[in-house]
């Protein structure tokens, strides 16, 4: 897709968004350049929501103005690595994502920023870079101790060492369906168990319950957490 075609698609997608959701948005700007992620080398940024708030006792569209910027070069770079790249679909998705940033600025919420943080930390983990092992907690809550980050679901279990030692298997339920996986050999401080045979992609995260004195001793010794990862095949437990 050419830059002119990209700009046309972006403007048409913006105009199709209901006016109520475009309130306070000054428009969409398309830029030919590639924009790299500020914290993740080698990762491109598809779009940004540039927001400026004016001093006022009342916050709303009149005092919070935004402009969405879409980077054609970044889209083109992604398209080069994906023969099935959907230009129009990606433009719509990116535009919707950036508009949500604006709406959350109006509401003074930070849920989307938290999700962006979780996705960035997940990407660092994939690249074997230092990451926050509890990043999944910044994702979208989808149940008690359950979080969704992009297309992945994380199910958190907080256990003491004694509780872990007495486990034979780990049971969990997703969307009304019961699953069971074998207990991994070690607990660590945070253990990501990648579950095979589920849809969507599920990870059970075992988190060690640590006492405050132990946490303090570890902090004084500048010890980092022990983070483990393993895989397990899910099965459905039979009737009792």
Protein backbone atom coordinates (compact mmCIF):
# COMPACT_ATOMS: atom_id res chain seq x y z
CA UNK A 1 0.00 0.00 0.00
CA UNK A 2 1.30 3.44 -0.90
CA UNK A 3 1.54 6.29 1.59
CA UNK A 4 -1.32 8.13 -0.15
CA UNK A 5 -3.48 5.01 0.04
CA UNK A 6 -2.55 4.54 3.68
CA UNK A 7 -3.51 8.13 4.49
CA UNK A 8 -6.86 7.72 2.73
CA UNK A 9 -7.63 4.51 4.61
CA UNK A 10 -6.74 6.19 7.92
CA UNK A 11 -9.00 9.19 7.28
CA UNK A 12 -11.90 7.00 6.11
CA UNK A 13 -11.56 4.76 9.18
CA UNK A 14 -11.54 7.80 11.44
CA UNK A 15 -14.68 9.22 9.86
CA UNK A 16 -16.51 5.91 10.31
CA UNK A 17 -16.03 6.07 14.09
CA UNK A 18 -19.16 7.44 15.82
CA UNK A 19 -18.86 11.15 16.53
CA UNK A 20 -19.36 10.65 20.27
CA UNK A 21 -16.08 8.70 20.41
CA UNK A 22 -14.20 11.31 18.37
CA UNK A 23 -15.05 14.17 20.71
CA UNK A 24 -11.88 16.03 21.62
CA UNK A 25 -9.88 14.41 18.79
CA UNK A 26 -8.51 17.02 16.41
CA UNK A 27 -7.85 14.47 13.69
CA UNK A 28 -5.48 11.85 12.37
CA UNK A 29 -2.02 12.61 11.05
CA UNK A 30 -0.13 10.08 8.93
CA UNK A 31 3.67 10.14 8.87
CA UNK A 32 5.89 8.35 6.35
CA UNK A 33 8.66 7.58 8.85
CA UNK A 34 9.25 4.44 10.89
CA UNK A 35 8.78 5.06 14.60
CA UNK A 36 10.70 2.75 16.95
CA UNK A 37 9.52 1.82 20.43
CA UNK A 38 11.21 4.06 23.04
CA UNK A 39 12.13 1.16 25.33
CA UNK A 40 12.25 -1.93 23.10
CA UNK A 41 14.92 -1.85 20.37
CA UNK A 42 13.80 -3.52 17.16
CA UNK A 43 10.10 -3.00 17.91
CA UNK A 44 8.13 -0.46 15.90
CA UNK A 45 5.35 1.83 17.13
CA UNK A 46 2.34 1.87 14.81
CA UNK A 47 0.56 4.84 16.34
CA UNK A 48 0.43 7.35 19.15
CA UNK A 49 -2.19 9.48 20.83
CA UNK A 50 -0.70 12.89 21.56
CA UNK A 51 -2.81 14.52 24.27
CA UNK A 52 -2.64 18.00 25.70
CA UNK A 53 -4.73 19.01 28.71
CA UNK A 54 -5.45 22.65 29.49
CA UNK A 55 -5.76 23.95 33.05
CA UNK A 56 -9.37 23.86 34.16
CA UNK A 57 -11.46 22.87 37.19
CA UNK A 58 -13.51 20.69 34.86
CA UNK A 59 -11.98 18.06 32.65
CA UNK A 60 -13.64 17.16 29.37
CA UNK A 61 -13.26 17.26 25.58
CA UNK A 62 -13.00 21.07 25.66
CA UNK A 63 -9.95 20.96 27.94
CA UNK A 64 -8.35 17.69 26.77
CA UNK A 65 -7.44 17.65 23.10
CA UNK A 66 -5.69 14.85 21.25
CA UNK A 67 -4.34 14.04 17.82
CA UNK A 68 -3.71 10.50 16.63
CA UNK A 69 -0.51 9.88 14.67
CA UNK A 70 -0.10 6.76 12.51
CA UNK A 71 3.34 5.83 11.19
CA UNK A 72 3.18 4.48 7.65
CA UNK A 73 6.81 3.33 7.77
CA UNK A 74 6.11 1.15 10.80
CA UNK A 75 3.09 -0.45 9.11
CA UNK A 76 5.14 -1.07 5.97
CA UNK A 77 7.94 -2.70 7.97
CA UNK A 78 5.46 -5.07 9.60
CA UNK A 79 3.87 -5.84 6.23
CA UNK A 80 7.26 -6.84 4.80
CA UNK A 81 7.50 -9.61 7.40
CA UNK A 82 3.91 -10.81 7.03
CA UNK A 83 2.53 -11.77 3.60
CA UNK A 84 -1.00 -11.84 5.06
CA UNK A 85 -0.74 -8.39 6.63
CA UNK A 86 -4.18 -6.73 6.70
CA UNK A 87 -3.48 -3.03 6.15
CA UNK A 88 -7.03 -1.81 6.64
CA UNK A 89 -7.67 -4.06 9.64
CA UNK A 90 -4.43 -3.00 11.34
CA UNK A 91 -5.21 0.68 10.72
CA UNK A 92 -8.65 0.29 12.31
CA UNK A 93 -7.28 -1.64 15.27
CA UNK A 94 -4.47 0.86 15.90
CA UNK A 95 -6.80 3.81 15.53
CA UNK A 96 -9.28 2.29 18.00
CA UNK A 97 -6.46 1.60 20.44
CA UNK A 98 -5.23 5.19 20.33
CA UNK A 99 -8.75 6.60 20.66
CA UNK A 100 -9.13 4.56 23.82
CA UNK A 101 -6.06 6.33 25.19
CA UNK A 102 -7.86 9.65 24.62
CA UNK A 103 -11.08 8.46 26.26
CA UNK A 104 -9.17 7.23 29.29
CA UNK A 105 -7.43 10.60 29.53
CA UNK A 106 -10.89 12.18 29.75
CA UNK A 107 -11.88 9.75 32.48
CA UNK A 108 -8.49 9.97 34.21
CA UNK A 109 -8.05 6.22 33.93
CA UNK A 110 -4.86 4.26 33.31
CA UNK A 111 -6.13 0.77 32.37
CA UNK A 112 -4.80 0.96 28.83
CA UNK A 113 -1.39 2.21 29.95
CA UNK A 114 -1.25 -0.73 32.36
CA UNK A 115 -2.05 -3.11 29.50
CA UNK A 116 0.66 -1.52 27.34
CA UNK A 117 3.10 -2.04 30.21
CA UNK A 118 2.10 -5.70 30.52
CA UNK A 119 2.54 -6.27 26.79
CA UNK A 120 5.94 -4.58 26.79
CA UNK A 121 7.13 -6.75 29.70
CA UNK A 122 5.78 -9.88 28.01
CA UNK A 123 7.79 -8.98 24.91
CA UNK A 124 10.93 -8.52 27.01
CA UNK A 125 10.37 -11.98 28.44
CA UNK A 126 10.10 -13.44 24.93
CA UNK A 127 13.43 -11.82 24.05
CA UNK A 128 15.15 -13.18 27.20
CA UNK A 129 15.61 -9.65 28.52
CA UNK A 130 15.13 -8.61 32.17
CA UNK A 131 11.40 -8.22 32.85
CA UNK A 132 8.92 -7.70 35.67
CA UNK A 133 7.82 -11.26 36.58
CA UNK A 134 4.44 -9.99 37.81
CA UNK A 135 3.69 -8.05 34.61
CA UNK A 136 0.56 -10.12 33.97
CA UNK A 137 -1.13 -8.46 36.96
CA UNK A 138 -1.26 -5.25 34.90
CA UNK A 139 -3.41 -7.02 32.30
CA UNK A 140 -7.18 -7.11 32.07
CA UNK A 141 -8.78 -8.92 35.04
CA UNK A 142 -11.03 -11.72 33.72
CA UNK A 143 -11.77 -13.52 36.98
CA UNK A 144 -10.37 -14.04 40.43
CA UNK A 145 -6.63 -14.38 40.01
CA UNK A 146 -7.01 -14.39 36.21
CA UNK A 147 -5.65 -11.84 33.75
CA UNK A 148 -5.62 -11.42 30.00
CA UNK A 149 -2.66 -9.82 28.23
CA UNK A 150 -3.28 -9.48 24.50
CA UNK A 151 -4.37 -12.99 23.42
CA UNK A 152 -2.93 -14.81 26.43
CA UNK A 153 -4.60 -15.75 29.73
CA UNK A 154 -2.66 -15.97 33.00
CA UNK A 155 -4.04 -17.88 35.99
CA UNK A 156 -2.24 -16.99 39.22
CA UNK A 157 -1.81 -19.35 42.16
CA UNK A 158 -0.11 -18.07 45.33
CA UNK A 159 1.42 -20.93 47.32
CA UNK A 160 3.68 -21.48 50.29
CA UNK A 161 6.53 -23.93 49.88
CA UNK A 162 4.63 -26.41 52.06
CA UNK A 163 1.45 -26.12 49.98
CA UNK A 164 3.46 -26.64 46.81
CA UNK A 165 5.21 -29.74 48.20
CA UNK A 166 1.84 -31.36 48.99
CA UNK A 167 0.45 -30.81 45.51
CA UNK A 168 0.33 -33.72 43.11
CA UNK A 169 -1.44 -31.88 40.31
CA UNK A 170 -2.77 -28.38 39.70
CA UNK A 171 -6.43 -27.91 38.85
CA UNK A 172 -7.89 -24.82 37.20
CA UNK A 173 -11.04 -23.86 35.37
CA UNK A 174 -11.40 -21.66 32.32
CA UNK A 175 -14.77 -20.70 30.83
CA UNK A 176 -16.53 -23.45 32.76
CA UNK A 177 -14.19 -26.22 31.67
CA UNK A 178 -11.93 -27.99 34.17
CA UNK A 179 -8.27 -28.69 33.44
CA UNK A 180 -5.51 -30.46 35.31
CA UNK A 181 -1.73 -30.28 34.85
CA UNK A 182 1.12 -32.02 36.70
CA UNK A 183 2.92 -30.01 39.33
CA UNK A 184 6.36 -28.80 38.14
CA UNK A 185 9.45 -29.98 39.98
CA UNK A 186 10.33 -26.61 41.56
CA UNK A 187 8.34 -23.61 42.76
CA UNK A 188 10.87 -20.81 42.51
CA UNK A 189 9.53 -17.34 43.33
CA UNK A 190 7.50 -17.03 40.12
CA UNK A 191 7.01 -20.07 37.89
CA UNK A 192 5.30 -19.73 34.51
CA UNK A 193 3.75 -23.04 33.45
CA UNK A 194 2.88 -22.87 29.76
CA UNK A 195 -0.18 -25.07 29.27
CA UNK A 196 -0.56 -27.09 26.08
CA UNK A 197 -3.95 -28.10 24.71
CA UNK A 198 -5.97 -25.01 25.62
CA UNK A 199 -7.63 -22.28 23.62
CA UNK A 200 -6.85 -19.48 24.24
CA UNK A 201 -3.19 -19.75 25.18
CA UNK A 202 -3.07 -20.21 28.97
CA UNK A 203 -0.22 -19.92 31.44
CA UNK A 204 -0.56 -20.95 35.08
CA UNK A 205 1.67 -18.70 37.18
CA UNK A 206 2.78 -20.11 40.52
CA UNK A 207 3.83 -17.34 42.93
CA UNK A 208 5.60 -18.18 46.16
CA UNK A 209 4.03 -16.66 49.26
CA UNK A 210 6.96 -15.06 51.09
CA UNK A 211 6.99 -13.60 54.60
CA UNK A 212 7.96 -9.97 55.09
CA UNK A 213 11.13 -10.80 57.08
CA UNK A 214 12.30 -13.00 54.23
CA UNK A 215 11.50 -10.30 51.68
CA UNK A 216 13.45 -7.78 53.74
CA UNK A 217 16.48 -10.06 54.04
CA UNK A 218 16.44 -10.69 50.30
CA UNK A 219 16.14 -6.96 49.54
CA UNK A 220 19.07 -6.16 51.87
CA UNK A 221 21.15 -8.75 50.04
CA UNK A 222 19.93 -7.36 46.68
CA UNK A 223 18.75 -10.79 45.56
CA UNK A 224 16.44 -10.90 42.58
CA UNK A 225 13.50 -13.30 42.34
CA UNK A 226 13.95 -16.83 41.05
CA UNK A 227 11.84 -16.97 37.86
CA UNK A 228 11.21 -20.36 36.24
CA UNK A 229 9.34 -21.52 33.15
CA UNK A 230 8.16 -24.96 32.15
CA UNK A 231 5.52 -26.61 29.99
CA UNK A 232 2.71 -28.99 30.81
CA UNK A 233 0.01 -30.75 28.85
CA UNK A 234 -3.53 -30.15 30.11
CA UNK A 235 -5.98 -32.95 30.59
CA UNK A 236 -9.59 -33.03 31.68
CA UNK A 237 -10.15 -34.84 34.97
CA UNK A 238 -12.61 -37.68 34.78
CA UNK A 239 -15.68 -38.08 36.97
CA UNK A 240 -15.03 -38.79 40.65
